[in-house]
Amino acid sequence: MAEDEERARKYWENISRIERKERLMGAIESVWLAYQLLEARAEPGSDEREEFGALRKYYMDVKKRVHLLSEDEKDRILEEYPKIADRLDWEYGL
């Protein structure tokens, strides 16, 4: 019986870890994609396009190195990035 409980606990911990990773990647991707769209919409050669391109690259780098971040940094992303994506959506009508 104890083995079944341990197996179930490990199973649910794994599910929780996978769901957290999916939320984390989704939060990062939502901001990255917003900046990608804004970059594409901006006038070629404009300062705005350059700024959006730099931000797109920044968030792509975050996505690439997310596995190196501390749990506190990941928590911050899960809290802040959806707000950033919502703000961009509202501000630019994405």
PDB file of N, CA and C in Angstrom:
ATOM      1  N   MET A   1       0.814  -1.189   0.000  1.00  0.00           N
ATOM      2  CA  MET A   1       0.000   0.000   0.000  1.00  0.00           C
ATOM      3  C   MET A   1       0.866   1.264   0.000  1.00  0.00           C
ATOM      4  N   ALA A   2       1.934   1.254   0.795  1.00  0.00           N
ATOM      5  CA  ALA A   2       2.821   2.415   0.869  1.00  0.00           C
ATOM      6  C   ALA A   2       3.504   2.667  -0.470  1.00  0.00           C
ATOM      7  N   GLU A   3       3.830   1.599  -1.194  1.00  0.00           N
ATOM      8  CA  GLU A   3       4.459   1.753  -2.510  1.00  0.00           C
ATOM      9  C   GLU A   3       3.506   2.433  -3.484  1.00  0.00           C
ATOM     10  N   ASP A   4       2.225   2.070  -3.427  1.00  0.00           N
ATOM     11  CA  ASP A   4       1.226   2.688  -4.301  1.00  0.00           C
ATOM     12  C   ASP A   4       1.076   4.170  -3.990  1.00  0.00           C
ATOM     13  N   GLU A   5       1.084   4.515  -2.724  1.00  0.00           N
ATOM     14  CA  GLU A   5       0.971   5.920  -2.328  1.00  0.00           C
ATOM     15  C   GLU A   5       2.192   6.708  -2.782  1.00  0.00           C
ATOM     16  N   GLU A   6       3.357   6.122  -2.640  1.00  0.00           N
ATOM     17  CA  GLU A   6       4.592   6.782  -3.069  1.00  0.00           C
ATOM     18  C   GLU A   6       4.591   6.975  -4.588  1.00  0.00           C
ATOM     19  N   ARG A   7       4.168   5.948  -5.308  1.00  0.00           N
ATOM     20  CA  ARG A   7       4.099   6.025  -6.763  1.00  0.00           C
ATOM     21  C   ARG A   7       3.111   7.109  -7.182  1.00  0.00           C
ATOM     22  N   ALA A   8       1.964   7.173  -6.532  1.00  0.00           N
ATOM     23  CA  ALA A   8       0.955   8.183  -6.839  1.00  0.00           C
ATOM     24  C   ALA A   8       1.481   9.586  -6.531  1.00  0.00           C
ATOM     25  N   ARG A   9       2.158   9.729  -5.408  1.00  0.00           N
ATOM     26  CA  ARG A   9       2.733  11.034  -5.044  1.00  0.00           C
ATOM     27  C   ARG A   9       3.731  11.496  -6.089  1.00  0.00           C
ATOM     28  N   LYS A  10       4.626  10.596  -6.504  1.00  0.00           N
ATOM     29  CA  LYS A  10       5.623  10.940  -7.521  1.00  0.00           C
ATOM     30  C   LYS A  10       4.955  11.281  -8.848  1.00  0.00           C
ATOM     31  N   TYR A  11       3.915  10.541  -9.182  1.00  0.00           N
ATOM     32  CA  TYR A  11       3.182  10.799 -10.420  1.00  0.00           C
ATOM     33  C   TYR A  11       2.610  12.216 -10.408  1.00  0.00           C
ATOM     34  N   TRP A  12       1.936  12.587  -9.318  1.00  0.00           N
ATOM     35  CA  TRP A  12       1.317  13.908  -9.244  1.00  0.00           C
ATOM     36  C   TRP A  12       2.351  15.029  -9.145  1.00  0.00           C
ATOM     37  N   GLU A  13       3.478  14.767  -8.522  1.00  0.00           N
ATOM     38  CA  GLU A  13       4.561  15.755  -8.502  1.00  0.00           C
ATOM     39  C   GLU A  13       5.075  15.989  -9.914  1.00  0.00           C
ATOM     40  N   ASN A  14       5.208  14.917 -10.681  1.00  0.00           N
ATOM     41  CA  ASN A  14       5.671  15.024 -12.056  1.00  0.00           C
ATOM     42  C   ASN A  14       4.657  15.796 -12.908  1.00  0.00           C
ATOM     43  N   ILE A  15       3.387  15.497 -12.741  1.00  0.00           N
ATOM     44  CA  ILE A  15       2.339  16.217 -13.473  1.00  0.00           C
ATOM     45  C   ILE A  15       2.394  17.701 -13.122  1.00  0.00           C
ATOM     46  N   SER A  16       2.543  18.007 -11.854  1.00  0.00           N
ATOM     47  CA  SER A  16       2.620  19.393 -11.402  1.00  0.00           C
ATOM     48  C   SER A  16       3.826  20.104 -12.014  1.00  0.00           C
ATOM     49  N   ARG A  17       4.955  19.420 -12.065  1.00  0.00           N
ATOM     50  CA  ARG A  17       6.179  19.993 -12.640  1.00  0.00           C
ATOM     51  C   ARG A  17       5.987  20.266 -14.143  1.00  0.00           C
ATOM     52  N   ILE A  18       5.361  19.339 -14.839  1.00  0.00           N
ATOM     53  CA  ILE A  18       5.111  19.504 -16.273  1.00  0.00           C
ATOM     54  C   ILE A  18       4.156  20.671 -16.522  1.00  0.00           C
ATOM     55  N   GLU A  19       3.090  20.756 -15.747  1.00  0.00           N
ATOM     56  CA  GLU A  19       2.131  21.850 -15.910  1.00  0.00           C
ATOM     57  C   GLU A  19       2.778  23.198 -15.630  1.00  0.00           C
ATOM     58  N   ARG A  20       3.626  23.262 -14.623  1.00  0.00           N
ATOM     59  CA  ARG A  20       4.327  24.520 -14.303  1.00  0.00           C
ATOM     60  C   ARG A  20       5.229  24.914 -15.469  1.00  0.00           C
ATOM     61  N   LYS A  21       5.952  23.940 -16.018  1.00  0.00           N
ATOM     62  CA  LYS A  21       6.837  24.228 -17.146  1.00  0.00           C
ATOM     63  C   LYS A  21       6.036  24.722 -18.346  1.00  0.00           C
ATOM     64  N   GLU A  22       4.887  24.127 -18.604  1.00  0.00           N
ATOM     65  CA  GLU A  22       4.043  24.564 -19.715  1.00  0.00           C
ATOM     66  C   GLU A  22       3.540  25.990 -19.500  1.00  0.00           C
ATOM     67  N   ARG A  23       3.128  26.310 -18.270  1.00  0.00           N
ATOM     68  CA  ARG A  23       2.689  27.680 -17.964  1.00  0.00           C
ATOM     69  C   ARG A  23       3.840  28.663 -18.126  1.00  0.00           C
ATOM     70  N   LEU A  24       5.012  28.271 -17.669  1.00  0.00           N
ATOM     71  CA  LEU A  24       6.195  29.118 -17.764  1.00  0.00           C
ATOM     72  C   LEU A  24       6.537  29.404 -19.226  1.00  0.00           C
ATOM     73  N   MET A  25       6.597  28.361 -20.035  1.00  0.00           N
ATOM     74  CA  MET A  25       6.928  28.540 -21.444  1.00  0.00           C
ATOM     75  C   MET A  25       5.841  29.341 -22.161  1.00  0.00           C
ATOM     76  N   GLY A  26       4.601  29.112 -21.807  1.00  0.00           N
ATOM     77  CA  GLY A  26       3.501  29.864 -22.402  1.00  0.00           C
ATOM     78  C   GLY A  26       3.574  31.344 -22.068  1.00  0.00           C
ATOM     79  N   ALA A  27       3.936  31.658 -20.835  1.00  0.00           N
ATOM     80  CA  ALA A  27       4.064  33.055 -20.421  1.00  0.00           C
ATOM     81  C   ALA A  27       5.181  33.753 -21.187  1.00  0.00           C
ATOM     82  N   ILE A  28       6.298  33.073 -21.327  1.00  0.00           N
ATOM     83  CA  ILE A  28       7.431  33.649 -22.064  1.00  0.00           C
ATOM     84  C   ILE A  28       7.066  33.812 -23.536  1.00  0.00           C
ATOM     85  N   GLU A  29       6.484  32.786 -24.117  1.00  0.00           N
ATOM     86  CA  GLU A  29       6.135  32.830 -25.539  1.00  0.00           C
ATOM     87  C   GLU A  29       5.104  33.903 -25.843  1.00  0.00           C
ATOM     88  N   SER A  30       4.172  34.149 -24.940  1.00  0.00           N
ATOM     89  CA  SER A  30       3.156  35.166 -25.206  1.00  0.00           C
ATOM     90  C   SER A  30       3.785  36.551 -25.329  1.00  0.00           C
ATOM     91  N   VAL A  31       4.772  36.846 -24.489  1.00  0.00           N
ATOM     92  CA  VAL A  31       5.450  38.144 -24.573  1.00  0.00           C
ATOM     93  C   VAL A  31       6.351  38.178 -25.808  1.00  0.00           C
ATOM     94  N   TRP A  32       7.094  37.126 -26.029  1.00  0.00           N
ATOM     95  CA  TRP A  32       7.987  37.051 -27.185  1.00  0.00           C
ATOM     96  C   TRP A  32       7.197  37.221 -28.488  1.00  0.00           C
ATOM     97  N   LEU A  33       6.076  36.519 -28.606  1.00  0.00           N
ATOM     98  CA  LEU A  33       5.272  36.620 -29.830  1.00  0.00           C
ATOM     99  C   LEU A  33       4.654  38.004 -30.005  1.00  0.00           C
ATOM    100  N   ALA A  34       4.282  38.639 -28.907  1.00  0.00           N
ATOM    101  CA  ALA A  34       3.746  40.000 -28.992  1.00  0.00           C
ATOM    102  C   ALA A  34       4.798  40.949 -29.563  1.00  0.00           C
ATOM    103  N   TYR A  35       6.019  40.843 -29.073  1.00  0.00           N
ATOM    104  CA  TYR A  35       7.074  41.714 -29.596  1.00  0.00           C
ATOM    105  C   TYR A  35       7.443  41.350 -31.038  1.00  0.00           C
ATOM    106  N   GLN A  36       7.351  40.089 -31.380  1.00  0.00           N
ATOM    107  CA  GLN A  36       7.605  39.685 -32.762  1.00  0.00           C
ATOM    108  C   GLN A  36       6.565  40.329 -33.691  1.00  0.00           C
ATOM    109  N   LEU A  37       5.310  40.303 -33.286  1.00  0.00           N
ATOM    110  CA  LEU A  37       4.250  40.915 -34.077  1.00  0.00           C
ATOM    111  C   LEU A  37       4.430  42.427 -34.165  1.00  0.00           C
ATOM    112  N   LEU A  38       4.760  43.051 -33.049  1.00  0.00           N
ATOM    113  CA  LEU A  38       4.972  44.500 -33.046  1.00  0.00           C
ATOM    114  C   LEU A  38       6.151  44.877 -33.932  1.00  0.00           C
ATOM    115  N   GLU A  39       7.205  44.077 -33.895  1.00  0.00           N
ATOM    116  CA  GLU A  39       8.360  44.338 -34.758  1.00  0.00           C
ATOM    117  C   GLU A  39       7.946  44.252 -36.222  1.00  0.00           C
ATOM    118  N   ALA A  40       7.166  43.249 -36.565  1.00  0.00           N
ATOM    119  CA  ALA A  40       6.732  43.076 -37.955  1.00  0.00           C
ATOM    120  C   ALA A  40       5.814  44.207 -38.404  1.00  0.00           C
ATOM    121  N   ARG A  41       5.030  44.756 -37.515  1.00  0.00           N
ATOM    122  CA  ARG A  41       4.104  45.842 -37.851  1.00  0.00           C
ATOM    123  C   ARG A  41       4.795  47.200 -37.968  1.00  0.00           C
ATOM    124  N   ALA A  42       5.914  47.372 -37.307  1.00  0.00           N
ATOM    125  CA  ALA A  42       6.602  48.670 -37.289  1.00  0.00           C
ATOM    126  C   ALA A  42       7.236  48.955 -38.647  1.00  0.00           C
ATOM    127  N   GLU A  43       7.403  50.230 -38.909  1.00  0.00           N
ATOM    128  CA  GLU A  43       8.032  50.668 -40.169  1.00  0.00           C
ATOM    129  C   GLU A  43       9.462  50.155 -40.246  1.00  0.00           C
ATOM    130  N   PRO A  44       9.834  49.586 -41.389  1.00  0.00           N
ATOM    131  CA  PRO A  44      11.224  49.152 -41.551  1.00  0.00           C
ATOM    132  C   PRO A  44      12.187  50.321 -41.325  1.00  0.00           C
ATOM    133  N   GLY A  45      13.223  50.064 -40.550  1.00  0.00           N
ATOM    134  CA  GLY A  45      14.234  51.077 -40.270  1.00  0.00           C
ATOM    135  C   GLY A  45      13.882  52.038 -39.151  1.00  0.00           C
ATOM    136  N   SER A  46      12.687  51.936 -38.593  1.00  0.00           N
ATOM    137  CA  SER A  46      12.274  52.879 -37.544  1.00  0.00           C
ATOM    138  C   SER A  46      12.888  52.492 -36.194  1.00  0.00           C
ATOM    139  N   ASP A  47      12.949  53.483 -35.311  1.00  0.00           N
ATOM    140  CA  ASP A  47      13.427  53.228 -33.947  1.00  0.00           C
ATOM    141  C   ASP A  47      12.519  52.230 -33.236  1.00  0.00           C
ATOM    142  N   GLU A  48      11.236  52.349 -33.507  1.00  0.00           N
ATOM    143  CA  GLU A  48      10.262  51.452 -32.884  1.00  0.00           C
ATOM    144  C   GLU A  48      10.539  49.999 -33.295  1.00  0.00           C
ATOM    145  N   ARG A  49      10.810  49.803 -34.551  1.00  0.00           N
ATOM    146  CA  ARG A  49      11.097  48.444 -35.024  1.00  0.00           C
ATOM    147  C   ARG A  49      12.362  47.898 -34.371  1.00  0.00           C
ATOM    148  N   GLU A  50      13.360  48.753 -34.258  1.00  0.00           N
ATOM    149  CA  GLU A  50      14.608  48.357 -33.603  1.00  0.00           C
ATOM    150  C   GLU A  50      14.365  47.983 -32.133  1.00  0.00           C
ATOM    151  N   GLU A  51      13.575  48.807 -31.447  1.00  0.00           N
ATOM    152  CA  GLU A  51      13.264  48.552 -30.036  1.00  0.00           C
ATOM    153  C   GLU A  51      12.495  47.241 -29.877  1.00  0.00           C
ATOM    154  N   PHE A  52      11.470  47.051 -30.689  1.00  0.00           N
ATOM    155  CA  PHE A  52      10.688  45.811 -30.602  1.00  0.00           C
ATOM    156  C   PHE A  52      11.541  44.598 -30.957  1.00  0.00           C
ATOM    157  N   GLY A  53      12.437  44.749 -31.903  1.00  0.00           N
ATOM    158  CA  GLY A  53      13.330  43.655 -32.276  1.00  0.00           C
ATOM    159  C   GLY A  53      14.270  43.286 -31.136  1.00  0.00           C
ATOM    160  N   ALA A  54      14.791  44.295 -30.465  1.00  0.00           N
ATOM    161  CA  ALA A  54      15.682  44.031 -29.323  1.00  0.00           C
ATOM    162  C   ALA A  54      14.924  43.339 -28.196  1.00  0.00           C
ATOM    163  N   LEU A  55      13.689  43.772 -27.941  1.00  0.00           N
ATOM    164  CA  LEU A  55      12.879  43.132 -26.900  1.00  0.00           C
ATOM    165  C   LEU A  55      12.509  41.698 -27.290  1.00  0.00           C
ATOM    166  N   ARG A  56      12.194  41.476 -28.557  1.00  0.00           N
ATOM    167  CA  ARG A  56      11.901  40.128 -29.037  1.00  0.00           C
ATOM    168  C   ARG A  56      13.095  39.215 -28.798  1.00  0.00           C
ATOM    169  N   LYS A  57      14.279  39.706 -29.121  1.00  0.00           N
ATOM    170  CA  LYS A  57      15.499  38.911 -28.913  1.00  0.00           C
ATOM    171  C   LYS A  57      15.734  38.633 -27.427  1.00  0.00           C
ATOM    172  N   TYR A  58      15.468  39.625 -26.596  1.00  0.00           N
ATOM    173  CA  TYR A  58      15.641  39.455 -25.155  1.00  0.00           C
ATOM    174  C   TYR A  58      14.747  38.323 -24.643  1.00  0.00           C
ATOM    175  N   TYR A  59      13.478  38.361 -25.022  1.00  0.00           N
ATOM    176  CA  TYR A  59      12.549  37.341 -24.525  1.00  0.00           C
ATOM    177  C   TYR A  59      12.832  35.975 -25.147  1.00  0.00           C
ATOM    178  N   MET A  60      13.382  35.941 -26.343  1.00  0.00           N
ATOM    179  CA  MET A  60      13.802  34.665 -26.928  1.00  0.00           C
ATOM    180  C   MET A  60      14.972  34.097 -26.123  1.00  0.00           C
ATOM    181  N   ASP A  61      15.870  34.972 -25.704  1.00  0.00           N
ATOM    182  CA  ASP A  61      16.988  34.521 -24.864  1.00  0.00           C
ATOM    183  C   ASP A  61      16.505  33.988 -23.515  1.00  0.00           C
ATOM    184  N   VAL A  62      15.491  34.643 -22.953  1.00  0.00           N
ATOM    185  CA  VAL A  62      14.910  34.151 -21.698  1.00  0.00           C
ATOM    186  C   VAL A  62      14.377  32.743 -21.916  1.00  0.00           C
ATOM    187  N   LYS A  63      13.680  32.553 -23.017  1.00  0.00           N
ATOM    188  CA  LYS A  63      13.117  31.226 -23.322  1.00  0.00           C
ATOM    189  C   LYS A  63      14.227  30.176 -23.454  1.00  0.00           C
ATOM    190  N   LYS A  64      15.304  30.550 -24.088  1.00  0.00           N
ATOM    191  CA  LYS A  64      16.409  29.608 -24.305  1.00  0.00           C
ATOM    192  C   LYS A  64      17.116  29.228 -23.005  1.00  0.00           C
ATOM    193  N   ARG A  65      17.171  30.150 -22.045  1.00  0.00           N
ATOM    194  CA  ARG A  65      17.927  29.884 -20.820  1.00  0.00           C
ATOM    195  C   ARG A  65      17.043  29.705 -19.594  1.00  0.00           C
ATOM    196  N   VAL A  66      15.745  29.494 -19.797  1.00  0.00           N
ATOM    197  CA  VAL A  66      14.822  29.365 -18.668  1.00  0.00           C
ATOM    198  C   VAL A  66      15.227  28.231 -17.739  1.00  0.00           C
ATOM    199  N   HIS A  67      15.812  27.195 -18.271  1.00  0.00           N
ATOM    200  CA  HIS A  67      16.236  26.059 -17.436  1.00  0.00           C
ATOM    201  C   HIS A  67      17.351  26.429 -16.464  1.00  0.00           C
ATOM    202  N   LEU A  68      18.031  27.541 -16.715  1.00  0.00           N
ATOM    203  CA  LEU A  68      19.118  27.998 -15.843  1.00  0.00           C
ATOM    204  C   LEU A  68      18.638  28.919 -14.719  1.00  0.00           C
ATOM    205  N   LEU A  69      17.394  29.337 -14.784  1.00  0.00           N
ATOM    206  CA  LEU A  69      16.871  30.298 -13.822  1.00  0.00           C
ATOM    207  C   LEU A  69      16.516  29.628 -12.496  1.00  0.00           C
ATOM    208  N   SER A  70      16.581  30.419 -11.445  1.00  0.00           N
ATOM    209  CA  SER A  70      16.184  29.919 -10.121  1.00  0.00           C
ATOM    210  C   SER A  70      14.660  29.801 -10.064  1.00  0.00           C
ATOM    211  N   GLU A  71      14.175  29.095  -9.083  1.00  0.00           N
ATOM    212  CA  GLU A  71      12.731  28.952  -8.908  1.00  0.00           C
ATOM    213  C   GLU A  71      12.085  30.310  -8.623  1.00  0.00           C
ATOM    214  N   ASP A  72      12.785  31.181  -7.903  1.00  0.00           N
ATOM    215  CA  ASP A  72      12.263  32.530  -7.640  1.00  0.00           C
ATOM    216  C   ASP A  72      12.118  33.317  -8.932  1.00  0.00           C
ATOM    217  N   GLU A  73      13.104  33.218  -9.813  1.00  0.00           N
ATOM    218  CA  GLU A  73      13.023  33.906 -11.101  1.00  0.00           C
ATOM    219  C   GLU A  73      11.884  33.345 -11.951  1.00  0.00           C
ATOM    220  N   LYS A  74      11.704  32.046 -11.903  1.00  0.00           N
ATOM    221  CA  LYS A  74      10.596  31.425 -12.641  1.00  0.00           C
ATOM    222  C   LYS A  74       9.249  31.881 -12.075  1.00  0.00           C
ATOM    223  N   ASP A  75       9.160  31.981 -10.763  1.00  0.00           N
ATOM    224  CA  ASP A  75       7.932  32.475 -10.132  1.00  0.00           C
ATOM    225  C   ASP A  75       7.634  33.901 -10.591  1.00  0.00           C
ATOM    226  N   ARG A  76       8.678  34.720 -10.665  1.00  0.00           N
ATOM    227  CA  ARG A  76       8.509  36.106 -11.108  1.00  0.00           C
ATOM    228  C   ARG A  76       7.992  36.147 -12.542  1.00  0.00           C
ATOM    229  N   ILE A  77       8.541  35.288 -13.394  1.00  0.00           N
ATOM    230  CA  ILE A  77       8.070  35.222 -14.787  1.00  0.00           C
ATOM    231  C   ILE A  77       6.598  34.838 -14.821  1.00  0.00           C
ATOM    232  N   LEU A  78       6.225  33.828 -14.049  1.00  0.00           N
ATOM    233  CA  LEU A  78       4.832  33.387 -14.033  1.00  0.00           C
ATOM    234  C   LEU A  78       3.893  34.487 -13.536  1.00  0.00           C
ATOM    235  N   GLU A  79       4.391  35.353 -12.697  1.00  0.00           N
ATOM    236  CA  GLU A  79       3.574  36.444 -12.170  1.00  0.00           C
ATOM    237  C   GLU A  79       3.549  37.647 -13.117  1.00  0.00           C
ATOM    238  N   GLU A  80       4.710  38.031 -13.640  1.00  0.00           N
ATOM    239  CA  GLU A  80       4.826  39.284 -14.387  1.00  0.00           C
ATOM    240  C   GLU A  80       4.555  39.167 -15.884  1.00  0.00           C
ATOM    241  N   TYR A  81       4.993  38.111 -16.508  1.00  0.00           N
ATOM    242  CA  TYR A  81       4.891  38.033 -17.971  1.00  0.00           C
ATOM    243  C   TYR A  81       3.459  38.048 -18.493  1.00  0.00           C
ATOM    244  N   PRO A  82       2.511  37.362 -17.848  1.00  0.00           N
ATOM    245  CA  PRO A  82       1.129  37.485 -18.342  1.00  0.00           C
ATOM    246  C   PRO A  82       0.617  38.932 -18.276  1.00  0.00           C
ATOM    247  N   LYS A  83       1.058  39.671 -17.272  1.00  0.00           N
ATOM    248  CA  LYS A  83       0.670  41.082 -17.168  1.00  0.00           C
ATOM    249  C   LYS A  83       1.286  41.891 -18.302  1.00  0.00           C
ATOM    250  N   ILE A  84       2.531  41.593 -18.643  1.00  0.00           N
ATOM    251  CA  ILE A  84       3.191  42.288 -19.754  1.00  0.00           C
ATOM    252  C   ILE A  84       2.450  41.990 -21.052  1.00  0.00           C
ATOM    253  N   ALA A  85       2.128  40.724 -21.278  1.00  0.00           N
ATOM    254  CA  ALA A  85       1.419  40.338 -22.506  1.00  0.00           C
ATOM    255  C   ALA A  85       0.055  41.023 -22.574  1.00  0.00           C
ATOM    256  N   ASP A  86      -0.661  41.069 -21.465  1.00  0.00           N
ATOM    257  CA  ASP A  86      -1.972  41.743 -21.432  1.00  0.00           C
ATOM    258  C   ASP A  86      -1.828  43.229 -21.718  1.00  0.00           C
ATOM    259  N   ARG A  87      -0.797  43.844 -21.128  1.00  0.00           N
ATOM    260  CA  ARG A  87      -0.575  45.280 -21.357  1.00  0.00           C
ATOM    261  C   ARG A  87      -0.276  45.553 -22.830  1.00  0.00           C
ATOM    262  N   LEU A  88       0.567  44.731 -23.436  1.00  0.00           N
ATOM    263  CA  LEU A  88       0.896  44.913 -24.854  1.00  0.00           C
ATOM    264  C   LEU A  88      -0.338  44.715 -25.722  1.00  0.00           C
ATOM    265  N   ASP A  89      -1.120  43.716 -25.385  1.00  0.00           N
ATOM    266  CA  ASP A  89      -2.358  43.454 -26.124  1.00  0.00           C
ATOM    267  C   ASP A  89      -3.289  44.651 -26.045  1.00  0.00           C
ATOM    268  N   TRP A  90      -3.451  45.180 -24.849  1.00  0.00           N
ATOM    269  CA  TRP A  90      -4.344  46.331 -24.659  1.00  0.00           C
ATOM    270  C   TRP A  90      -3.776  47.582 -25.320  1.00  0.00           C
ATOM    271  N   GLU A  91      -2.497  47.827 -25.115  1.00  0.00           N
ATOM    272  CA  GLU A  91      -1.869  49.065 -25.614  1.00  0.00           C
ATOM    273  C   GLU A  91      -1.789  49.107 -27.132  1.00  0.00           C
ATOM    274  N   TYR A  92      -1.519  47.969 -27.767  1.00  0.00           N
ATOM    275  CA  TYR A  92      -1.304  47.947 -29.218  1.00  0.00           C
ATOM    276  C   TYR A  92      -2.424  47.229 -29.968  1.00  0.00           C
ATOM    277  N   GLY A  93      -3.426  46.760 -29.260  1.00  0.00           N
ATOM    278  CA  GLY A  93      -4.548  46.081 -29.912  1.00  0.00           C
ATOM    279  C   GLY A  93      -4.168  44.833 -30.668  1.00  0.00           C
ATOM    280  N   LEU A  94      -3.378  43.992 -30.027  1.00  0.00           N
ATOM    281  CA  LEU A  94      -2.903  42.776 -30.701  1.00  0.00           C
ATOM    282  C   LEU A  94      -3.970  41.729 -30.812  1.00  0.00           C
TER     283      LEU A  94
END
